[in-house]
Each structure stands twice: as C-alpha cells, then as structure tokens.
Amino acid sequence: AMARLSHPGIVAVYDSGQTESGLLYIIMELVEGSDVARMIAEHGRLHTEHAMAITAHVCDALAYAHERGIIHRDIKPANIMVGY
C-alpha cells in the first residue's frame, strides 16, 4: 500500500518481498535526520513553532494518505522523521 504513495512527507517504498528463508523485507528511502522522539530526548521540549511546523507537515502527509484509503494507525514521535 505504501509503494502506491508519492508525497514529500511520506518515506518512499521501493520494493518488498520475502527471502528464500522466509524473511520479509521492505526497501525504503533513507531519511537523513532524526525522529521526533530522539529530538525530544536529546533537546527536551521542542519550541512551539518547530513543533507546529512538524505537526503541519505530518497532517498534510496523513491527509494525502487518507485520501487514498491508507490509515497509519501508529502515529507517535518515534515514527515521525525530520530530515536534515
């Protein structure tokens, strides 16, 4: 389902499959940056403006996915990447 999405706020999925030994894999875009949980752990509370900017980008990406019938189901700071 993610491979059908093309949005700057959603990590691209390039391929997926299963190895001969039965392991499942997903090949995804590498995001150079940090997740929000790590940012909070390292720096404490984010400045309001920064937190609101991140939230706006997340809402935009979620709206895009929802319009295409995709529901994330696990939105949390550790699952939100912020690129450098």
PDB file of N, CA and C in Angstrom:
ATOM      1  N   ALA A   1       0.827  -1.204   0.000  1.00  0.00           N
ATOM      2  CA  ALA A   1       0.000   0.000   0.000  1.00  0.00           C
ATOM      3  C   ALA A   1       0.867   1.262   0.000  1.00  0.00           C
ATOM      4  N   MET A   2       1.944   1.261   0.784  1.00  0.00           N
ATOM      5  CA  MET A   2       2.809   2.452   0.847  1.00  0.00           C
ATOM      6  C   MET A   2       3.506   2.727  -0.476  1.00  0.00           C
ATOM      7  N   ALA A   3       3.802   1.703  -1.243  1.00  0.00           N
ATOM      8  CA  ALA A   3       4.502   1.884  -2.510  1.00  0.00           C
ATOM      9  C   ALA A   3       3.659   2.686  -3.502  1.00  0.00           C
ATOM     10  N   ARG A   4       2.354   2.725  -3.306  1.00  0.00           N
ATOM     11  CA  ARG A   4       1.473   3.498  -4.196  1.00  0.00           C
ATOM     12  C   ARG A   4       1.493   4.980  -3.866  1.00  0.00           C
ATOM     13  N   LEU A   5       2.032   5.360  -2.715  1.00  0.00           N
ATOM     14  CA  LEU A   5       2.022   6.748  -2.284  1.00  0.00           C
ATOM     15  C   LEU A   5       3.263   7.484  -2.784  1.00  0.00           C
ATOM     16  N   SER A   6       3.066   8.722  -3.209  1.00  0.00           N
ATOM     17  CA  SER A   6       4.173   9.569  -3.640  1.00  0.00           C
ATOM     18  C   SER A   6       3.934  10.964  -3.088  1.00  0.00           C
ATOM     19  N   HIS A   7       4.582  11.252  -1.963  1.00  0.00           N
ATOM     20  CA  HIS A   7       4.382  12.518  -1.263  1.00  0.00           C
ATOM     21  C   HIS A   7       5.689  12.864  -0.566  1.00  0.00           C
ATOM     22  N   PRO A   8       6.093  14.135  -0.579  1.00  0.00           N
ATOM     23  CA  PRO A   8       7.366  14.502   0.059  1.00  0.00           C
ATOM     24  C   PRO A   8       7.418  14.238   1.561  1.00  0.00           C
ATOM     25  N   GLY A   9       6.274  14.092   2.212  1.00  0.00           N
ATOM     26  CA  GLY A   9       6.250  13.833   3.650  1.00  0.00           C
ATOM     27  C   GLY A   9       6.086  12.368   4.008  1.00  0.00           C
ATOM     28  N   ILE A  10       6.139  11.498   3.006  1.00  0.00           N
ATOM     29  CA  ILE A  10       5.984  10.055   3.247  1.00  0.00           C
ATOM     30  C   ILE A  10       7.196   9.341   2.665  1.00  0.00           C
ATOM     31  N   VAL A  11       7.841   8.522   3.467  1.00  0.00           N
ATOM     32  CA  VAL A  11       9.014   7.780   3.024  1.00  0.00           C
ATOM     33  C   VAL A  11       8.622   6.870   1.859  1.00  0.00           C
ATOM     34  N   ALA A  12       9.422   6.924   0.797  1.00  0.00           N
ATOM     35  CA  ALA A  12       9.144   6.111  -0.391  1.00  0.00           C
ATOM     36  C   ALA A  12       9.491   4.649  -0.134  1.00  0.00           C
ATOM     37  N   VAL A  13       8.665   3.765  -0.666  1.00  0.00           N
ATOM     38  CA  VAL A  13       8.925   2.329  -0.636  1.00  0.00           C
ATOM     39  C   VAL A  13       9.314   1.916  -2.049  1.00  0.00           C
ATOM     40  N   TYR A  14      10.486   1.304  -2.187  1.00  0.00           N
ATOM     41  CA  TYR A  14      10.994   0.924  -3.499  1.00  0.00           C
ATOM     42  C   TYR A  14      10.695  -0.525  -3.859  1.00  0.00           C
ATOM     43  N   ASP A  15      10.672  -1.393  -2.858  1.00  0.00           N
ATOM     44  CA  ASP A  15      10.446  -2.806  -3.143  1.00  0.00           C
ATOM     45  C   ASP A  15      10.105  -3.516  -1.841  1.00  0.00           C
ATOM     46  N   SER A  16       9.551  -4.684  -1.952  1.00  0.00           N
ATOM     47  CA  SER A  16       9.291  -5.543  -0.796  1.00  0.00           C
ATOM     48  C   SER A  16       9.252  -6.974  -1.289  1.00  0.00           C
ATOM     49  N   GLY A  17       9.399  -7.872  -0.363  1.00  0.00           N
ATOM     50  CA  GLY A  17       9.365  -9.276  -0.762  1.00  0.00           C
ATOM     51  C   GLY A  17       9.685 -10.195   0.388  1.00  0.00           C
ATOM     52  N   GLN A  18      10.064 -11.395   0.016  1.00  0.00           N
ATOM     53  CA  GLN A  18      10.381 -12.428   1.001  1.00  0.00           C
ATOM     54  C   GLN A  18      11.607 -13.176   0.513  1.00  0.00           C
ATOM     55  N   THR A  19      12.549 -13.392   1.419  1.00  0.00           N
ATOM     56  CA  THR A  19      13.756 -14.132   1.060  1.00  0.00           C
ATOM     57  C   THR A  19      13.429 -15.614   0.944  1.00  0.00           C
ATOM     58  N   GLU A  20      14.370 -16.361   0.394  1.00  0.00           N
ATOM     59  CA  GLU A  20      14.176 -17.809   0.269  1.00  0.00           C
ATOM     60  C   GLU A  20      13.995 -18.478   1.625  1.00  0.00           C
ATOM     61  N   SER A  21      14.577 -17.866   2.675  1.00  0.00           N
ATOM     62  CA  SER A  21      14.451 -18.443   4.015  1.00  0.00           C
ATOM     63  C   SER A  21      13.177 -17.984   4.729  1.00  0.00           C
ATOM     64  N   GLY A  22      12.358 -17.152   4.060  1.00  0.00           N
ATOM     65  CA  GLY A  22      11.078 -16.756   4.632  1.00  0.00           C
ATOM     66  C   GLY A  22      11.049 -15.403   5.317  1.00  0.00           C
ATOM     67  N   LEU A  23      12.184 -14.677   5.351  1.00  0.00           N
ATOM     68  CA  LEU A  23      12.198 -13.362   5.973  1.00  0.00           C
ATOM     69  C   LEU A  23      11.530 -12.339   5.052  1.00  0.00           C
ATOM     70  N   LEU A  24      10.664 -11.531   5.640  1.00  0.00           N
ATOM     71  CA  LEU A  24      10.016 -10.470   4.881  1.00  0.00           C
ATOM     72  C   LEU A  24      10.886  -9.227   4.917  1.00  0.00           C
ATOM     73  N   TYR A  25      10.887  -8.454   3.828  1.00  0.00           N
ATOM     74  CA  TYR A  25      11.681  -7.234   3.803  1.00  0.00           C
ATOM     75  C   TYR A  25      10.945  -6.138   3.035  1.00  0.00           C
ATOM     76  N   ILE A  26      11.324  -4.895   3.372  1.00  0.00           N
ATOM     77  CA  ILE A  26      10.843  -3.707   2.666  1.00  0.00           C
ATOM     78  C   ILE A  26      12.066  -2.835   2.401  1.00  0.00           C
ATOM     79  N   ILE A  27      12.242  -2.409   1.161  1.00  0.00           N
ATOM     80  CA  ILE A  27      13.327  -1.490   0.813  1.00  0.00           C
ATOM     81  C   ILE A  27      12.709  -0.104   0.725  1.00  0.00           C
ATOM     82  N   MET A  28      13.177   0.788   1.623  1.00  0.00           N
ATOM     83  CA  MET A  28      12.603   2.125   1.739  1.00  0.00           C
ATOM     84  C   MET A  28      13.660   3.194   1.544  1.00  0.00           C
ATOM     85  N   GLU A  29      13.195   4.387   1.244  1.00  0.00           N
ATOM     86  CA  GLU A  29      14.043   5.570   1.123  1.00  0.00           C
ATOM     87  C   GLU A  29      14.784   5.810   2.442  1.00  0.00           C
ATOM     88  N   LEU A  30      16.054   6.187   2.345  1.00  0.00           N
ATOM     89  CA  LEU A  30      16.827   6.558   3.526  1.00  0.00           C
ATOM     90  C   LEU A  30      16.559   8.017   3.844  1.00  0.00           C
ATOM     91  N   VAL A  31      16.162   8.307   5.058  1.00  0.00           N
ATOM     92  CA  VAL A  31      15.938   9.681   5.503  1.00  0.00           C
ATOM     93  C   VAL A  31      17.096  10.064   6.411  1.00  0.00           C
ATOM     94  N   GLU A  32      17.879  11.039   5.982  1.00  0.00           N
ATOM     95  CA  GLU A  32      18.981  11.543   6.795  1.00  0.00           C
ATOM     96  C   GLU A  32      18.389  12.534   7.786  1.00  0.00           C
ATOM     97  N   GLY A  33      18.378  12.198   9.048  1.00  0.00           N
ATOM     98  CA  GLY A  33      17.792  13.080  10.047  1.00  0.00           C
ATOM     99  C   GLY A  33      17.581  12.354  11.354  1.00  0.00           C
ATOM    100  N   SER A  34      16.510  12.701  12.022  1.00  0.00           N
ATOM    101  CA  SER A  34      16.207  12.142  13.336  1.00  0.00           C
ATOM    102  C   SER A  34      14.702  11.996  13.476  1.00  0.00           C
ATOM    103  N   ASP A  35      14.299  11.109  14.366  1.00  0.00           N
ATOM    104  CA  ASP A  35      12.872  11.048  14.664  1.00  0.00           C
ATOM    105  C   ASP A  35      12.567  12.020  15.808  1.00  0.00           C
ATOM    106  N   VAL A  36      11.316  12.386  15.930  1.00  0.00           N
ATOM    107  CA  VAL A  36      10.918  13.395  16.917  1.00  0.00           C
ATOM    108  C   VAL A  36      11.168  12.907  18.344  1.00  0.00           C
ATOM    109  N   ALA A  37      10.986  11.620  18.606  1.00  0.00           N
ATOM    110  CA  ALA A  37      11.237  11.097  19.959  1.00  0.00           C
ATOM    111  C   ALA A  37      12.692  11.321  20.356  1.00  0.00           C
ATOM    112  N   ARG A  38      13.605  11.082  19.429  1.00  0.00           N
ATOM    113  CA  ARG A  38      15.033  11.283  19.717  1.00  0.00           C
ATOM    114  C   ARG A  38      15.331  12.763  19.911  1.00  0.00           C
ATOM    115  N   MET A  39      14.698  13.612  19.095  1.00  0.00           N
ATOM    116  CA  MET A  39      14.902  15.057  19.237  1.00  0.00           C
ATOM    117  C   MET A  39      14.479  15.525  20.629  1.00  0.00           C
ATOM    118  N   ILE A  40      13.344  15.029  21.102  1.00  0.00           N
ATOM    119  CA  ILE A  40      12.847  15.407  22.430  1.00  0.00           C
ATOM    120  C   ILE A  40      13.778  14.870  23.515  1.00  0.00           C
ATOM    121  N   ALA A  41      14.232  13.629  23.361  1.00  0.00           N
ATOM    122  CA  ALA A  41      15.128  13.030  24.354  1.00  0.00           C
ATOM    123  C   ALA A  41      16.446  13.792  24.445  1.00  0.00           C
ATOM    124  N   GLU A  42      16.949  14.260  23.300  1.00  0.00           N
ATOM    125  CA  GLU A  42      18.243  14.942  23.283  1.00  0.00           C
ATOM    126  C   GLU A  42      18.159  16.412  23.670  1.00  0.00           C
ATOM    127  N   HIS A  43      17.051  17.086  23.317  1.00  0.00           N
ATOM    128  CA  HIS A  43      16.969  18.534  23.483  1.00  0.00           C
ATOM    129  C   HIS A  43      15.854  18.998  24.407  1.00  0.00           C
ATOM    130  N   GLY A  44      15.037  18.074  24.885  1.00  0.00           N
ATOM    131  CA  GLY A  44      13.900  18.468  25.707  1.00  0.00           C
ATOM    132  C   GLY A  44      12.738  18.947  24.852  1.00  0.00           C
ATOM    133  N   ARG A  45      11.854  19.660  25.457  1.00  0.00           N
ATOM    134  CA  ARG A  45      10.655  20.148  24.772  1.00  0.00           C
ATOM    135  C   ARG A  45      11.033  20.960  23.534  1.00  0.00           C
ATOM    136  N   LEU A  46      10.351  20.683  22.416  1.00  0.00           N
ATOM    137  CA  LEU A  46      10.599  21.444  21.190  1.00  0.00           C
ATOM    138  C   LEU A  46       9.973  22.826  21.312  1.00  0.00           C
ATOM    139  N   HIS A  47      10.572  23.805  20.643  1.00  0.00           N
ATOM    140  CA  HIS A  47       9.961  25.125  20.587  1.00  0.00           C
ATOM    141  C   HIS A  47       8.598  25.008  19.901  1.00  0.00           C
ATOM    142  N   THR A  48       7.653  25.775  20.360  1.00  0.00           N
ATOM    143  CA  THR A  48       6.285  25.701  19.839  1.00  0.00           C
ATOM    144  C   THR A  48       6.248  25.828  18.326  1.00  0.00           C
ATOM    145  N   GLU A  49       6.981  26.775  17.762  1.00  0.00           N
ATOM    146  CA  GLU A  49       6.970  26.990  16.314  1.00  0.00           C
ATOM    147  C   GLU A  49       7.481  25.762  15.564  1.00  0.00           C
ATOM    148  N   HIS A  50       8.529  25.149  16.087  1.00  0.00           N
ATOM    149  CA  HIS A  50       9.090  23.956  15.455  1.00  0.00           C
ATOM    150  C   HIS A  50       8.102  22.789  15.544  1.00  0.00           C
ATOM    151  N   ALA A  51       7.522  22.597  16.710  1.00  0.00           N
ATOM    152  CA  ALA A  51       6.544  21.519  16.896  1.00  0.00           C
ATOM    153  C   ALA A  51       5.338  21.716  15.981  1.00  0.00           C
ATOM    154  N   MET A  52       4.873  22.956  15.838  1.00  0.00           N
ATOM    155  CA  MET A  52       3.720  23.234  14.977  1.00  0.00           C
ATOM    156  C   MET A  52       4.066  23.000  13.506  1.00  0.00           C
ATOM    157  N   ALA A  53       5.289  23.347  13.097  1.00  0.00           N
ATOM    158  CA  ALA A  53       5.706  23.109  11.713  1.00  0.00           C
ATOM    159  C   ALA A  53       5.749  21.609  11.413  1.00  0.00           C
ATOM    160  N   ILE A  54       6.311  20.832  12.329  1.00  0.00           N
ATOM    161  CA  ILE A  54       6.350  19.374  12.161  1.00  0.00           C
ATOM    162  C   ILE A  54       4.927  18.841  12.085  1.00  0.00           C
ATOM    163  N   THR A  55       4.063  19.283  12.982  1.00  0.00           N
ATOM    164  CA  THR A  55       2.673  18.825  13.016  1.00  0.00           C
ATOM    165  C   THR A  55       1.951  19.140  11.705  1.00  0.00           C
ATOM    166  N   ALA A  56       2.181  20.328  11.154  1.00  0.00           N
ATOM    167  CA  ALA A  56       1.540  20.699   9.891  1.00  0.00           C
ATOM    168  C   ALA A  56       1.975  19.769   8.763  1.00  0.00           C
ATOM    169  N   HIS A  57       3.274  19.435   8.710  1.00  0.00           N
ATOM    170  CA  HIS A  57       3.763  18.519   7.676  1.00  0.00           C
ATOM    171  C   HIS A  57       3.179  17.121   7.853  1.00  0.00           C
ATOM    172  N   VAL A  58       3.096  16.662   9.093  1.00  0.00           N
ATOM    173  CA  VAL A  58       2.525  15.345   9.369  1.00  0.00           C
ATOM    174  C   VAL A  58       1.053  15.311   8.956  1.00  0.00           C
ATOM    175  N   CYS A  59       0.310  16.355   9.296  1.00  0.00           N
ATOM    176  CA  CYS A  59      -1.111  16.410   8.930  1.00  0.00           C
ATOM    177  C   CYS A  59      -1.294  16.408   7.415  1.00  0.00           C
ATOM    178  N   ASP A  60      -0.431  17.116   6.703  1.00  0.00           N
ATOM    179  CA  ASP A  60      -0.501  17.136   5.249  1.00  0.00           C
ATOM    180  C   ASP A  60      -0.264  15.741   4.670  1.00  0.00           C
ATOM    181  N   ALA A  61       0.762  15.056   5.170  1.00  0.00           N
ATOM    182  CA  ALA A  61       1.072  13.707   4.694  1.00  0.00           C
ATOM    183  C   ALA A  61      -0.047  12.725   5.038  1.00  0.00           C
ATOM    184  N   LEU A  62      -0.589  12.835   6.249  1.00  0.00           N
ATOM    185  CA  LEU A  62      -1.695  11.950   6.645  1.00  0.00           C
ATOM    186  C   LEU A  62      -2.942  12.205   5.804  1.00  0.00           C
ATOM    187  N   ALA A  63      -3.244  13.458   5.507  1.00  0.00           N
ATOM    188  CA  ALA A  63      -4.405  13.779   4.668  1.00  0.00           C
ATOM    189  C   ALA A  63      -4.228  13.155   3.289  1.00  0.00           C
ATOM    190  N   TYR A  64      -3.032  13.256   2.731  1.00  0.00           N
ATOM    191  CA  TYR A  64      -2.735  12.653   1.432  1.00  0.00           C
ATOM    192  C   TYR A  64      -2.987  11.138   1.475  1.00  0.00           C
ATOM    193  N   ALA A  65      -2.447  10.483   2.505  1.00  0.00           N
ATOM    194  CA  ALA A  65      -2.632   9.035   2.634  1.00  0.00           C
ATOM    195  C   ALA A  65      -4.102   8.679   2.835  1.00  0.00           C
ATOM    196  N   HIS A  66      -4.791   9.416   3.687  1.00  0.00           N
ATOM    197  CA  HIS A  66      -6.208   9.136   3.966  1.00  0.00           C
ATOM    198  C   HIS A  66      -7.058   9.281   2.715  1.00  0.00           C
ATOM    199  N   GLU A  67      -6.752  10.275   1.880  1.00  0.00           N
ATOM    200  CA  GLU A  67      -7.485  10.460   0.631  1.00  0.00           C
ATOM    201  C   GLU A  67      -7.340   9.251  -0.290  1.00  0.00           C
ATOM    202  N   ARG A  68      -6.304   8.462  -0.074  1.00  0.00           N
ATOM    203  CA  ARG A  68      -6.052   7.271  -0.885  1.00  0.00           C
ATOM    204  C   ARG A  68      -6.386   5.984  -0.148  1.00  0.00           C
ATOM    205  N   GLY A  69      -7.112   6.106   0.961  1.00  0.00           N
ATOM    206  CA  GLY A  69      -7.590   4.939   1.695  1.00  0.00           C
ATOM    207  C   GLY A  69      -6.585   4.293   2.619  1.00  0.00           C
ATOM    208  N   ILE A  70      -5.482   4.985   2.921  1.00  0.00           N
ATOM    209  CA  ILE A  70      -4.443   4.431   3.800  1.00  0.00           C
ATOM    210  C   ILE A  70      -4.558   5.081   5.171  1.00  0.00           C
ATOM    211  N   ILE A  71      -4.615   4.252   6.216  1.00  0.00           N
ATOM    212  CA  ILE A  71      -4.655   4.719   7.605  1.00  0.00           C
ATOM    213  C   ILE A  71      -3.352   4.279   8.275  1.00  0.00           C
ATOM    214  N   HIS A  72      -2.654   5.199   8.936  1.00  0.00           N
ATOM    215  CA  HIS A  72      -1.342   4.890   9.520  1.00  0.00           C
ATOM    216  C   HIS A  72      -1.463   3.983  10.741  1.00  0.00           C
ATOM    217  N   ARG A  73      -2.270   4.320  11.703  1.00  0.00           N
ATOM    218  CA  ARG A  73      -2.547   3.547  12.915  1.00  0.00           C
ATOM    219  C   ARG A  73      -1.468   3.562  13.995  1.00  0.00           C
ATOM    220  N   ASP A  74      -0.342   4.232  13.773  1.00  0.00           N
ATOM    221  CA  ASP A  74       0.699   4.256  14.806  1.00  0.00           C
ATOM    222  C   ASP A  74       1.473   5.576  14.760  1.00  0.00           C
ATOM    223  N   ILE A  75       0.743   6.678  14.841  1.00  0.00           N
ATOM    224  CA  ILE A  75       1.379   7.988  14.832  1.00  0.00           C
ATOM    225  C   ILE A  75       1.923   8.265  16.230  1.00  0.00           C
ATOM    226  N   LYS A  76       3.230   8.446  16.310  1.00  0.00           N
ATOM    227  CA  LYS A  76       3.892   8.766  17.572  1.00  0.00           C
ATOM    228  C   LYS A  76       5.220   9.409  17.239  1.00  0.00           C
ATOM    229  N   PRO A  77       5.839  10.105  18.176  1.00  0.00           N
ATOM    230  CA  PRO A  77       7.096  10.803  17.893  1.00  0.00           C
ATOM    231  C   PRO A  77       8.180   9.918  17.291  1.00  0.00           C
ATOM    232  N   ALA A  78       8.273   8.683  17.718  1.00  0.00           N
ATOM    233  CA  ALA A  78       9.317   7.785  17.192  1.00  0.00           C
ATOM    234  C   ALA A  78       9.089   7.433  15.716  1.00  0.00           C
ATOM    235  N   ASN A  79       7.876   7.618  15.208  1.00  0.00           N
ATOM    236  CA  ASN A  79       7.568   7.297  13.822  1.00  0.00           C
ATOM    237  C   ASN A  79       7.505   8.531  12.919  1.00  0.00           C
ATOM    238  N   ILE A  80       7.924   9.666  13.438  1.00  0.00           N
ATOM    239  CA  ILE A  80       7.943  10.896  12.641  1.00  0.00           C
ATOM    240  C   ILE A  80       9.391  11.298  12.437  1.00  0.00           C
ATOM    241  N   MET A  81       9.826  11.247  11.184  1.00  0.00           N
ATOM    242  CA  MET A  81      11.212  11.583  10.852  1.00  0.00           C
ATOM    243  C   MET A  81      11.290  13.052  10.410  1.00  0.00           C
ATOM    244  N   VAL A  82      12.357  13.710  10.843  1.00  0.00           N
ATOM    245  CA  VAL A  82      12.640  15.074  10.423  1.00  0.00           C
ATOM    246  C   VAL A  82      14.008  15.047   9.751  1.00  0.00           C
ATOM    247  N   GLY A  83      14.038  15.399   8.478  1.00  0.00           N
ATOM    248  CA  GLY A  83      15.287  15.366   7.713  1.00  0.00           C
ATOM    249  C   GLY A  83      16.177  16.550   8.031  1.00  0.00           C
ATOM    250  N   TYR A  84      17.469  16.366   7.767  1.00  0.00           N
ATOM    251  CA  TYR A  84      18.433  17.452   7.972  1.00  0.00           C
ATOM    252  C   TYR A  84      18.448  18.352   6.766  1.00  0.00           C
TER     253      TYR A  84
END
